[in-house]
Amino acid sequence: MSANNVVLLYNSHSGKKTFASHLDTIIGRFQDAGLQIIPFKITREPEPIAAFLDSLDKDSVSKVLIAGGDGSVDICINAMVQADYHAPIAILPTGTANDMAHHLEIPTSLDGMLRIAMSNYTIPLDIGEINGKYFVNEASLGSIIEVSQKTDQRVKNTLGMLGYYLQGIQMIPEIKPFNVKVTIDGETSEKKIFMMFIMNGSVIGGFKDVSPKASVHDGKLDVLIFKDCPPLEFLNTVNLFLRRTHFKSPYVEFIRTDNVLIETEKKNTGVDIDGEKGPEFPLNIRMLKERFRICVHTAIR
């Protein structure tokens, strides 16, 4: 194999399930550029992907393309860490939310995403680690996090982000605060909260500028804590969130750090990693600075 091999890890079931119909076009575009695509259809587990990557000569792989949504990107990132891969990454956003792709301003059109994937312009990419698993965009916790986990996959694929929103509206009356212990840099504080976002990018659940100054290469996690408040104030905070002005609320706390430990005694608290079910508490989260490089069209934070 030559040094011009490009691995394509793709989820044929993501989004509207149309990616497989574009394989010939993608392979042809790369072949015309003198690059050989090596495709691999991924599952929901990273181990088969890691085994496939291990079977290849790492030095022959110039780039890894990941086609799917945020969950697919996470699965592939975990596999690449397991296989000790450091090749540059390009995201082909074919999922429902595509939050990291939105942060990186990667188009969802086939021509647009391929233009970036075929370029050699990259920036460093931090990744988060949570209890031994890795994530690219965000980890979150709280009752509202159960929205993506309870929304049927067929609803997600058919209605897209609308499926999340409709389920979320129905759940608002059920959202209850709970107690957590948060430890940062050895200092522990106790809080009563509704939910918490730990972000690498700036987009979550399709909402842009949730953490507007978030950067994927600053070595920091942006932690947003939505604290307990009276019902009317909670609805006001939700309204501010929808208008991207939630930082004006006295019930929203912001912390920037490279590590955080979160503990709670509340059972069945929802934990999410980029739209997929996360691990059990306690949550030990840290940032791995510049673990990868990723293709983008221009300098991006």
C-alpha atoms as a PDB file:
ATOM      1  CA  MET A   1       0.000   0.000   0.000  1.00  0.00           C
ATOM      2  CA  SER A   2       1.139   3.541  -0.766  1.00  0.00           C
ATOM      3  CA  ALA A   3       1.201   6.558   1.516  1.00  0.00           C
ATOM      4  CA  ASN A   4      -1.853   7.905  -0.329  1.00  0.00           C
ATOM      5  CA  ASN A   5      -4.404   5.667   1.362  1.00  0.00           C
ATOM      6  CA  VAL A   6      -7.423   7.380   2.920  1.00  0.00           C
ATOM      7  CA  VAL A   7      -9.522   5.366   5.383  1.00  0.00           C
ATOM      8  CA  LEU A   8     -13.268   5.976   5.195  1.00  0.00           C
ATOM      9  CA  LEU A   9     -15.188   4.946   8.332  1.00  0.00           C
ATOM     10  CA  TYR A  10     -18.895   5.353   7.617  1.00  0.00           C
ATOM     11  CA  ASN A  11     -22.216   4.794   9.360  1.00  0.00           C
ATOM     12  CA  SER A  12     -24.716   3.776   6.701  1.00  0.00           C
ATOM     13  CA  HIS A  13     -27.626   4.202   9.153  1.00  0.00           C
ATOM     14  CA  SER A  14     -26.958   7.792  10.228  1.00  0.00           C
ATOM     15  CA  GLY A  15     -29.298  10.620   9.314  1.00  0.00           C
ATOM     16  CA  LYS A  16     -31.479   9.779   6.334  1.00  0.00           C
ATOM     17  CA  LYS A  17     -29.470   6.614   5.509  1.00  0.00           C
ATOM     18  CA  THR A  18     -28.412   7.912   2.096  1.00  0.00           C
ATOM     19  CA  PHE A  19     -24.625   7.949   2.508  1.00  0.00           C
ATOM     20  CA  ALA A  20     -23.997   4.545   0.880  1.00  0.00           C
ATOM     21  CA  SER A  21     -25.492   5.857  -2.369  1.00  0.00           C
ATOM     22  CA  HIS A  22     -22.659   8.403  -2.556  1.00  0.00           C
ATOM     23  CA  LEU A  23     -19.783   5.925  -2.130  1.00  0.00           C
ATOM     24  CA  ASP A  24     -18.981   5.687  -5.842  1.00  0.00           C
ATOM     25  CA  THR A  25     -18.839   9.479  -6.126  1.00  0.00           C
ATOM     26  CA  ILE A  26     -16.578   9.801  -3.090  1.00  0.00           C
ATOM     27  CA  ILE A  27     -14.219   7.025  -4.174  1.00  0.00           C
ATOM     28  CA  GLY A  28     -14.046   8.492  -7.675  1.00  0.00           C
ATOM     29  CA  ARG A  29     -13.269  12.002  -6.442  1.00  0.00           C
ATOM     30  CA  PHE A  30     -10.372  10.760  -4.323  1.00  0.00           C
ATOM     31  CA  GLN A  31      -9.068   8.431  -7.038  1.00  0.00           C
ATOM     32  CA  ASP A  32      -9.015  11.360  -9.480  1.00  0.00           C
ATOM     33  CA  ALA A  33      -6.779  13.120  -6.957  1.00  0.00           C
ATOM     34  CA  GLY A  34      -4.433  10.104  -6.777  1.00  0.00           C
ATOM     35  CA  LEU A  35      -5.779   8.901  -3.412  1.00  0.00           C
ATOM     36  CA  GLN A  36      -7.069   5.407  -2.636  1.00  0.00           C
ATOM     37  CA  ILE A  37     -10.153   5.097  -0.405  1.00  0.00           C
ATOM     38  CA  ILE A  38     -10.253   2.145   2.027  1.00  0.00           C
ATOM     39  CA  PRO A  39     -13.882   1.955   3.246  1.00  0.00           C
ATOM     40  CA  PHE A  40     -15.107   0.329   6.438  1.00  0.00           C
ATOM     41  CA  LYS A  41     -18.735   0.187   7.583  1.00  0.00           C
ATOM     42  CA  ILE A  42     -18.845   0.921  11.306  1.00  0.00           C
ATOM     43  CA  THR A  43     -21.030  -0.465  14.076  1.00  0.00           C
ATOM     44  CA  ARG A  44     -21.934   1.070  17.430  1.00  0.00           C
ATOM     45  CA  GLU A  45     -18.819  -0.387  19.087  1.00  0.00           C
ATOM     46  CA  PRO A  46     -15.244   0.907  18.652  1.00  0.00           C
ATOM     47  CA  GLU A  47     -13.490  -2.470  19.006  1.00  0.00           C
ATOM     48  CA  PRO A  48     -14.165  -3.785  15.449  1.00  0.00           C
ATOM     49  CA  ILE A  49     -13.031  -0.429  14.042  1.00  0.00           C
ATOM     50  CA  ALA A  50      -9.846  -0.527  16.127  1.00  0.00           C
ATOM     51  CA  ALA A  51      -9.157  -4.077  14.907  1.00  0.00           C
ATOM     52  CA  PHE A  52      -9.604  -2.942  11.296  1.00  0.00           C
ATOM     53  CA  LEU A  53      -7.273   0.008  11.812  1.00  0.00           C
ATOM     54  CA  ASP A  54      -4.709  -2.284  13.461  1.00  0.00           C
ATOM     55  CA  SER A  55      -4.762  -4.480  10.351  1.00  0.00           C
ATOM     56  CA  LEU A  56      -3.507  -1.569   8.228  1.00  0.00           C
ATOM     57  CA  ASP A  57      -0.035  -0.119   7.949  1.00  0.00           C
ATOM     58  CA  LYS A  58      -0.391   3.134   9.908  1.00  0.00           C
ATOM     59  CA  ASP A  59       2.326   4.813   7.917  1.00  0.00           C
ATOM     60  CA  SER A  60       0.362   4.203   4.707  1.00  0.00           C
ATOM     61  CA  VAL A  61      -2.719   6.089   5.959  1.00  0.00           C
ATOM     62  CA  SER A  62      -2.616   9.799   5.160  1.00  0.00           C
ATOM     63  CA  LYS A  63      -6.073  10.670   6.500  1.00  0.00           C
ATOM     64  CA  VAL A  64      -9.163   9.184   8.178  1.00  0.00           C
ATOM     65  CA  LEU A  65     -12.624  10.240   6.982  1.00  0.00           C
ATOM     66  CA  ILE A  66     -15.527   9.774   9.401  1.00  0.00           C
ATOM     67  CA  ALA A  67     -19.009   9.835   7.870  1.00  0.00           C
ATOM     68  CA  GLY A  68     -21.906  10.021  10.320  1.00  0.00           C
ATOM     69  CA  GLY A  69     -23.244  12.110  13.169  1.00  0.00           C
ATOM     70  CA  ASP A  70     -21.632  13.105  16.454  1.00  0.00           C
ATOM     71  CA  GLY A  71     -22.099   9.629  17.929  1.00  0.00           C
ATOM     72  CA  SER A  72     -20.335   8.036  14.959  1.00  0.00           C
ATOM     73  CA  VAL A  73     -17.470  10.507  15.273  1.00  0.00           C
ATOM     74  CA  ASP A  74     -17.091   9.568  18.946  1.00  0.00           C
ATOM     75  CA  ILE A  75     -17.077   5.823  18.211  1.00  0.00           C
ATOM     76  CA  CYS A  76     -14.384   6.298  15.575  1.00  0.00           C
ATOM     77  CA  ILE A  77     -12.309   8.614  17.783  1.00  0.00           C
ATOM     78  CA  ASN A  78     -12.372   5.975  20.542  1.00  0.00           C
ATOM     79  CA  ALA A  79     -11.261   3.341  18.031  1.00  0.00           C
ATOM     80  CA  MET A  80      -8.452   5.561  16.758  1.00  0.00           C
ATOM     81  CA  VAL A  81      -7.188   6.126  20.299  1.00  0.00           C
ATOM     82  CA  GLN A  82      -7.333   2.368  20.961  1.00  0.00           C
ATOM     83  CA  ALA A  83      -5.355   1.712  17.769  1.00  0.00           C
ATOM     84  CA  ASP A  84      -2.950   4.585  18.538  1.00  0.00           C
ATOM     85  CA  TYR A  85      -3.759   6.415  15.306  1.00  0.00           C
ATOM     86  CA  HIS A  86      -2.669  10.028  14.849  1.00  0.00           C
ATOM     87  CA  ALA A  87      -3.600  10.565  11.189  1.00  0.00           C
ATOM     88  CA  PRO A  88      -5.541  13.774  10.406  1.00  0.00           C
ATOM     89  CA  ILE A  89      -9.337  13.481  10.561  1.00  0.00           C
ATOM     90  CA  ALA A  90     -12.007  14.802   8.210  1.00  0.00           C
ATOM     91  CA  ILE A  91     -15.683  14.758   9.203  1.00  0.00           C
ATOM     92  CA  LEU A  92     -18.363  14.065   6.599  1.00  0.00           C
ATOM     93  CA  PRO A  93     -21.466  15.244   8.536  1.00  0.00           C
ATOM     94  CA  THR A  94     -24.272  12.876   7.562  1.00  0.00           C
ATOM     95  CA  GLY A  95     -25.997  12.498  10.943  1.00  0.00           C
ATOM     96  CA  THR A  96     -28.965  14.194  12.595  1.00  0.00           C
ATOM     97  CA  ALA A  97     -27.312  16.856  14.752  1.00  0.00           C
ATOM     98  CA  ASN A  98     -23.697  17.135  13.492  1.00  0.00           C
ATOM     99  CA  ASP A  99     -22.837  19.553  16.304  1.00  0.00           C
ATOM    100  CA  MET A 100     -19.048  19.400  15.965  1.00  0.00           C
ATOM    101  CA  ALA A 101     -19.296  19.837  12.200  1.00  0.00           C
ATOM    102  CA  HIS A 102     -21.453  22.922  12.778  1.00  0.00           C
ATOM    103  CA  HIS A 103     -18.869  24.332  15.178  1.00  0.00           C
ATOM    104  CA  LEU A 104     -16.146  23.728  12.589  1.00  0.00           C
ATOM    105  CA  GLU A 105     -18.369  25.202   9.832  1.00  0.00           C
ATOM    106  CA  ILE A 106     -18.209  22.041   7.722  1.00  0.00           C
ATOM    107  CA  PRO A 107     -20.977  22.084   5.077  1.00  0.00           C
ATOM    108  CA  THR A 108     -23.559  19.308   4.925  1.00  0.00           C
ATOM    109  CA  SER A 109     -23.617  19.326   1.120  1.00  0.00           C
ATOM    110  CA  LEU A 110     -21.615  16.504  -0.468  1.00  0.00           C
ATOM    111  CA  ASP A 111     -19.489  18.861  -2.568  1.00  0.00           C
ATOM    112  CA  GLY A 112     -18.820  21.143   0.399  1.00  0.00           C
ATOM    113  CA  MET A 113     -17.796  18.407   2.815  1.00  0.00           C
ATOM    114  CA  LEU A 114     -15.600  16.692   0.215  1.00  0.00           C
ATOM    115  CA  ARG A 115     -13.847  19.956  -0.644  1.00  0.00           C
ATOM    116  CA  ILE A 116     -12.750  20.254   2.986  1.00  0.00           C
ATOM    117  CA  ALA A 117     -12.006  16.533   3.381  1.00  0.00           C
ATOM    118  CA  MET A 118      -9.720  16.610   0.336  1.00  0.00           C
ATOM    119  CA  SER A 119      -7.836  19.688   1.488  1.00  0.00           C
ATOM    120  CA  ASN A 120      -4.671  19.570   3.548  1.00  0.00           C
ATOM    121  CA  TYR A 121      -5.566  22.482   5.821  1.00  0.00           C
ATOM    122  CA  THR A 122      -5.883  21.227   9.390  1.00  0.00           C
ATOM    123  CA  ILE A 123      -6.039  22.607  12.912  1.00  0.00           C
ATOM    124  CA  PRO A 124      -5.304  20.881  16.235  1.00  0.00           C
ATOM    125  CA  LEU A 125      -8.224  19.045  17.854  1.00  0.00           C
ATOM    126  CA  ASP A 126      -8.554  18.513  21.608  1.00  0.00           C
ATOM    127  CA  ILE A 127     -10.684  15.609  22.818  1.00  0.00           C
ATOM    128  CA  GLY A 128     -12.276  14.999  26.189  1.00  0.00           C
ATOM    129  CA  GLU A 129     -11.907  11.849  28.258  1.00  0.00           C
ATOM    130  CA  ILE A 130     -14.687  10.726  30.598  1.00  0.00           C
ATOM    131  CA  ASN A 131     -14.170   7.575  32.686  1.00  0.00           C
ATOM    132  CA  GLY A 132     -11.865   6.128  30.042  1.00  0.00           C
ATOM    133  CA  LYS A 133     -14.066   6.993  27.058  1.00  0.00           C
ATOM    134  CA  TYR A 134     -13.385   9.842  24.639  1.00  0.00           C
ATOM    135  CA  PHE A 135     -15.626  12.539  23.194  1.00  0.00           C
ATOM    136  CA  VAL A 136     -15.191  15.308  20.666  1.00  0.00           C
ATOM    137  CA  ASN A 137     -17.956  17.818  21.339  1.00  0.00           C
ATOM    138  CA  GLU A 138     -19.709  17.529  24.692  1.00  0.00           C
ATOM    139  CA  ALA A 139     -20.676  15.556  27.749  1.00  0.00           C
ATOM    140  CA  SER A 140     -23.821  16.529  29.613  1.00  0.00           C
ATOM    141  CA  LEU A 141     -25.959  15.415  32.518  1.00  0.00           C
ATOM    142  CA  GLY A 142     -29.364  15.997  34.061  1.00  0.00           C
ATOM    143  CA  SER A 143     -33.024  15.125  33.458  1.00  0.00           C
ATOM    144  CA  ILE A 144     -33.172  16.988  30.153  1.00  0.00           C
ATOM    145  CA  ILE A 145     -30.364  14.778  28.855  1.00  0.00           C
ATOM    146  CA  GLU A 146     -32.811  11.880  28.753  1.00  0.00           C
ATOM    147  CA  VAL A 147     -34.433  13.605  25.739  1.00  0.00           C
ATOM    148  CA  SER A 148     -31.974  12.275  23.166  1.00  0.00           C
ATOM    149  CA  GLN A 149     -31.867   8.894  24.886  1.00  0.00           C
ATOM    150  CA  LYS A 150     -35.680   8.540  24.930  1.00  0.00           C
ATOM    151  CA  THR A 151     -36.284   9.881  21.426  1.00  0.00           C
ATOM    152  CA  ASP A 152     -36.804   6.945  19.068  1.00  0.00           C
ATOM    153  CA  GLN A 153     -34.075   6.695  16.425  1.00  0.00           C
ATOM    154  CA  ARG A 154     -36.722   6.578  13.697  1.00  0.00           C
ATOM    155  CA  VAL A 155     -38.100   9.911  14.976  1.00  0.00           C
ATOM    156  CA  LYS A 156     -34.600  11.403  14.953  1.00  0.00           C
ATOM    157  CA  ASN A 157     -34.003  10.267  11.386  1.00  0.00           C
ATOM    158  CA  THR A 158     -37.434  11.370  10.127  1.00  0.00           C
ATOM    159  CA  LEU A 159     -37.882  14.680  11.961  1.00  0.00           C
ATOM    160  CA  GLY A 160     -34.218  15.516  12.578  1.00  0.00           C
ATOM    161  CA  MET A 161     -33.682  18.052  15.381  1.00  0.00           C
ATOM    162  CA  LEU A 162     -37.448  18.662  15.545  1.00  0.00           C
ATOM    163  CA  GLY A 163     -37.736  15.213  17.114  1.00  0.00           C
ATOM    164  CA  TYR A 164     -35.465  16.318  19.970  1.00  0.00           C
ATOM    165  CA  TYR A 165     -37.323  19.593  20.483  1.00  0.00           C
ATOM    166  CA  LEU A 166     -40.786  18.024  20.593  1.00  0.00           C
ATOM    167  CA  GLN A 167     -39.648  15.456  23.144  1.00  0.00           C
ATOM    168  CA  GLY A 168     -37.867  18.163  25.147  1.00  0.00           C
ATOM    169  CA  ILE A 169     -40.967  20.354  25.391  1.00  0.00           C
ATOM    170  CA  GLN A 170     -42.953  17.409  26.729  1.00  0.00           C
ATOM    171  CA  MET A 171     -40.322  16.745  29.395  1.00  0.00           C
ATOM    172  CA  ILE A 172     -40.085  20.259  30.881  1.00  0.00           C
ATOM    173  CA  PRO A 173     -42.692  19.589  33.631  1.00  0.00           C
ATOM    174  CA  GLU A 174     -40.714  16.499  34.700  1.00  0.00           C
ATOM    175  CA  ILE A 175     -37.338  18.228  35.095  1.00  0.00           C
ATOM    176  CA  LYS A 176     -36.259  18.263  38.737  1.00  0.00           C
ATOM    177  CA  PRO A 177     -33.093  19.661  40.363  1.00  0.00           C
ATOM    178  CA  PHE A 178     -30.610  17.349  42.046  1.00  0.00           C
ATOM    179  CA  ASN A 179     -27.480  17.656  44.185  1.00  0.00           C
ATOM    180  CA  VAL A 180     -23.962  17.258  42.818  1.00  0.00           C
ATOM    181  CA  LYS A 181     -20.424  17.616  44.108  1.00  0.00           C
ATOM    182  CA  VAL A 182     -18.083  19.299  41.652  1.00  0.00           C
ATOM    183  CA  THR A 183     -14.304  19.120  42.116  1.00  0.00           C
ATOM    184  CA  ILE A 184     -12.001  21.298  40.014  1.00  0.00           C
ATOM    185  CA  ASP A 185      -8.275  21.604  40.663  1.00  0.00           C
ATOM    186  CA  GLY A 186      -8.702  19.931  44.055  1.00  0.00           C
ATOM    187  CA  GLU A 187     -11.463  22.301  45.242  1.00  0.00           C
ATOM    188  CA  THR A 188     -14.893  20.764  45.882  1.00  0.00           C
ATOM    189  CA  SER A 189     -18.229  22.589  45.960  1.00  0.00           C
ATOM    190  CA  GLU A 190     -21.763  21.282  46.404  1.00  0.00           C
ATOM    191  CA  LYS A 191     -24.487  22.507  44.073  1.00  0.00           C
ATOM    192  CA  LYS A 192     -28.147  21.904  43.339  1.00  0.00           C
ATOM    193  CA  ILE A 193     -28.638  21.917  39.585  1.00  0.00           C
ATOM    194  CA  PHE A 194     -31.003  21.108  36.741  1.00  0.00           C
ATOM    195  CA  MET A 195     -28.325  20.178  34.223  1.00  0.00           C
ATOM    196  CA  MET A 196     -24.696  20.616  33.268  1.00  0.00           C
ATOM    197  CA  PHE A 197     -22.872  20.816  29.942  1.00  0.00           C
ATOM    198  CA  ILE A 198     -19.147  20.081  29.603  1.00  0.00           C
ATOM    199  CA  MET A 199     -18.199  21.379  26.170  1.00  0.00           C
ATOM    200  CA  ASN A 200     -15.316  21.303  23.732  1.00  0.00           C
ATOM    201  CA  GLY A 201     -17.277  22.853  20.852  1.00  0.00           C
ATOM    202  CA  SER A 202     -19.879  25.614  20.924  1.00  0.00           C
ATOM    203  CA  VAL A 203     -22.934  23.725  19.603  1.00  0.00           C
ATOM    204  CA  ILE A 204     -25.143  21.261  21.454  1.00  0.00           C
ATOM    205  CA  GLY A 205     -28.337  19.596  20.228  1.00  0.00           C
ATOM    206  CA  GLY A 206     -28.338  21.859  17.194  1.00  0.00           C
ATOM    207  CA  PHE A 207     -28.222  25.029  19.321  1.00  0.00           C
ATOM    208  CA  LYS A 208     -25.366  27.304  18.300  1.00  0.00           C
ATOM    209  CA  ASP A 209     -23.295  29.502  20.624  1.00  0.00           C
ATOM    210  CA  VAL A 210     -24.213  27.561  23.771  1.00  0.00           C
ATOM    211  CA  SER A 211     -20.640  28.327  24.801  1.00  0.00           C
ATOM    212  CA  PRO A 212     -19.741  31.012  22.251  1.00  0.00           C
ATOM    213  CA  LYS A 213     -16.043  31.252  23.107  1.00  0.00           C
ATOM    214  CA  ALA A 214     -15.414  27.494  23.154  1.00  0.00           C
ATOM    215  CA  SER A 215     -12.352  26.393  21.208  1.00  0.00           C
ATOM    216  CA  VAL A 216     -11.368  22.902  20.066  1.00  0.00           C
ATOM    217  CA  HIS A 217      -7.668  23.634  20.520  1.00  0.00           C
ATOM    218  CA  ASP A 218      -7.315  25.684  23.715  1.00  0.00           C
ATOM    219  CA  GLY A 219      -6.867  22.677  26.033  1.00  0.00           C
ATOM    220  CA  LYS A 220      -9.908  23.705  28.069  1.00  0.00           C
ATOM    221  CA  LEU A 221     -13.412  22.400  28.763  1.00  0.00           C
ATOM    222  CA  ASP A 222     -16.237  24.934  29.013  1.00  0.00           C
ATOM    223  CA  VAL A 223     -18.492  23.886  31.910  1.00  0.00           C
ATOM    224  CA  LEU A 224     -22.010  25.365  31.995  1.00  0.00           C
ATOM    225  CA  ILE A 225     -24.053  24.732  35.133  1.00  0.00           C
ATOM    226  CA  PHE A 226     -27.785  25.458  35.153  1.00  0.00           C
ATOM    227  CA  LYS A 227     -28.526  25.932  38.854  1.00  0.00           C
ATOM    228  CA  ASP A 228     -31.693  25.331  40.831  1.00  0.00           C
ATOM    229  CA  CYS A 229     -34.158  28.223  40.737  1.00  0.00           C
ATOM    230  CA  PRO A 230     -37.904  28.924  41.106  1.00  0.00           C
ATOM    231  CA  PRO A 231     -40.114  27.530  38.299  1.00  0.00           C
ATOM    232  CA  LEU A 232     -40.707  30.900  36.636  1.00  0.00           C
ATOM    233  CA  GLU A 233     -36.977  31.674  36.698  1.00  0.00           C
ATOM    234  CA  PHE A 234     -36.269  28.273  35.170  1.00  0.00           C
ATOM    235  CA  LEU A 235     -38.649  29.007  32.300  1.00  0.00           C
ATOM    236  CA  ASN A 236     -36.983  32.401  31.885  1.00  0.00           C
ATOM    237  CA  THR A 237     -33.561  30.704  31.761  1.00  0.00           C
ATOM    238  CA  VAL A 238     -34.855  28.289  29.108  1.00  0.00           C
ATOM    239  CA  ASN A 239     -36.134  31.286  27.134  1.00  0.00           C
ATOM    240  CA  LEU A 240     -32.731  32.976  27.415  1.00  0.00           C
ATOM    241  CA  PHE A 241     -31.096  29.741  26.276  1.00  0.00           C
ATOM    242  CA  LEU A 242     -33.288  29.598  23.187  1.00  0.00           C
ATOM    243  CA  ARG A 243     -32.231  33.178  22.405  1.00  0.00           C
ATOM    244  CA  ARG A 244     -28.551  32.401  23.092  1.00  0.00           C
ATOM    245  CA  THR A 245     -28.428  34.926  25.945  1.00  0.00           C
ATOM    246  CA  HIS A 246     -28.429  32.432  28.852  1.00  0.00           C
ATOM    247  CA  PHE A 247     -25.203  33.902  30.274  1.00  0.00           C
ATOM    248  CA  LYS A 248     -27.313  36.836  31.443  1.00  0.00           C
ATOM    249  CA  SER A 249     -29.105  34.565  33.901  1.00  0.00           C
ATOM    250  CA  PRO A 250     -27.815  34.538  37.503  1.00  0.00           C
ATOM    251  CA  TYR A 251     -28.713  30.842  37.526  1.00  0.00           C
ATOM    252  CA  VAL A 252     -26.174  29.915  34.854  1.00  0.00           C
ATOM    253  CA  GLU A 253     -22.597  29.396  36.079  1.00  0.00           C
ATOM    254  CA  PHE A 254     -19.631  29.182  33.712  1.00  0.00           C
ATOM    255  CA  ILE A 255     -16.264  27.562  34.495  1.00  0.00           C
ATOM    256  CA  ARG A 256     -13.304  26.920  32.179  1.00  0.00           C
ATOM    257  CA  THR A 257     -10.975  24.082  33.208  1.00  0.00           C
ATOM    258  CA  ASP A 258      -9.031  21.103  31.870  1.00  0.00           C
ATOM    259  CA  ASN A 259     -10.433  18.651  34.449  1.00  0.00           C
ATOM    260  CA  VAL A 260     -13.563  18.145  36.531  1.00  0.00           C
ATOM    261  CA  LEU A 261     -14.903  15.423  38.839  1.00  0.00           C
ATOM    262  CA  ILE A 262     -18.705  15.233  39.195  1.00  0.00           C
ATOM    263  CA  GLU A 263     -20.429  13.128  41.844  1.00  0.00           C
ATOM    264  CA  THR A 264     -24.085  12.613  42.769  1.00  0.00           C
ATOM    265  CA  GLU A 265     -26.174  10.255  44.864  1.00  0.00           C
ATOM    266  CA  LYS A 266     -29.205  10.650  42.585  1.00  0.00           C
ATOM    267  CA  LYS A 267     -29.853   7.380  40.809  1.00  0.00           C
ATOM    268  CA  ASN A 268     -30.599   7.168  37.084  1.00  0.00           C
ATOM    269  CA  THR A 269     -29.308  10.647  36.338  1.00  0.00           C
ATOM    270  CA  GLY A 270     -29.041  10.973  32.575  1.00  0.00           C
ATOM    271  CA  VAL A 271     -25.495  11.230  31.208  1.00  0.00           C
ATOM    272  CA  ASP A 272     -24.862  11.899  27.530  1.00  0.00           C
ATOM    273  CA  ILE A 273     -21.744  11.894  25.360  1.00  0.00           C
ATOM    274  CA  ASP A 274     -22.471  13.544  22.009  1.00  0.00           C
ATOM    275  CA  GLY A 275     -26.005  12.172  21.794  1.00  0.00           C
ATOM    276  CA  GLU A 276     -25.207   8.693  23.112  1.00  0.00           C
ATOM    277  CA  LYS A 277     -25.701   7.233  26.590  1.00  0.00           C
ATOM    278  CA  GLY A 278     -22.747   8.033  28.843  1.00  0.00           C
ATOM    279  CA  PRO A 279     -21.068   6.231  31.760  1.00  0.00           C
ATOM    280  CA  GLU A 280     -22.142   5.944  35.388  1.00  0.00           C
ATOM    281  CA  PHE A 281     -21.164   8.365  38.163  1.00  0.00           C
ATOM    282  CA  PRO A 282     -18.752   9.523  39.416  1.00  0.00           C
ATOM    283  CA  LEU A 283     -17.655  11.281  36.218  1.00  0.00           C
ATOM    284  CA  ASN A 284     -13.941  11.956  35.960  1.00  0.00           C
ATOM    285  CA  ILE A 285     -13.461  14.258  32.969  1.00  0.00           C
ATOM    286  CA  ARG A 286     -10.259  15.686  31.553  1.00  0.00           C
ATOM    287  CA  MET A 287      -9.022  17.278  28.348  1.00  0.00           C
ATOM    288  CA  LEU A 288      -6.409  15.764  26.041  1.00  0.00           C
ATOM    289  CA  LYS A 289      -4.895  18.747  24.298  1.00  0.00           C
ATOM    290  CA  GLU A 290      -4.242  18.529  20.541  1.00  0.00           C
ATOM    291  CA  ARG A 291      -4.649  14.733  20.378  1.00  0.00           C
ATOM    292  CA  PHE A 292      -5.599  14.920  16.694  1.00  0.00           C
ATOM    293  CA  ARG A 293      -5.615  17.290  13.757  1.00  0.00           C
ATOM    294  CA  ILE A 294      -8.824  17.906  11.791  1.00  0.00           C
ATOM    295  CA  CYS A 295      -9.582  19.251   8.315  1.00  0.00           C
ATOM    296  CA  VAL A 296     -11.352  22.608   8.154  1.00  0.00           C
ATOM    297  CA  HIS A 297     -11.747  25.251   5.459  1.00  0.00           C
ATOM    298  CA  THR A 298     -10.213  28.120   7.412  1.00  0.00           C
ATOM    299  CA  ALA A 299      -8.752  29.050  10.774  1.00  0.00           C
ATOM    300  CA  ILE A 300     -11.399  28.268  13.389  1.00  0.00           C
ATOM    301  CA  ARG A 301     -11.460  28.583  17.143  1.00  0.00           C
END
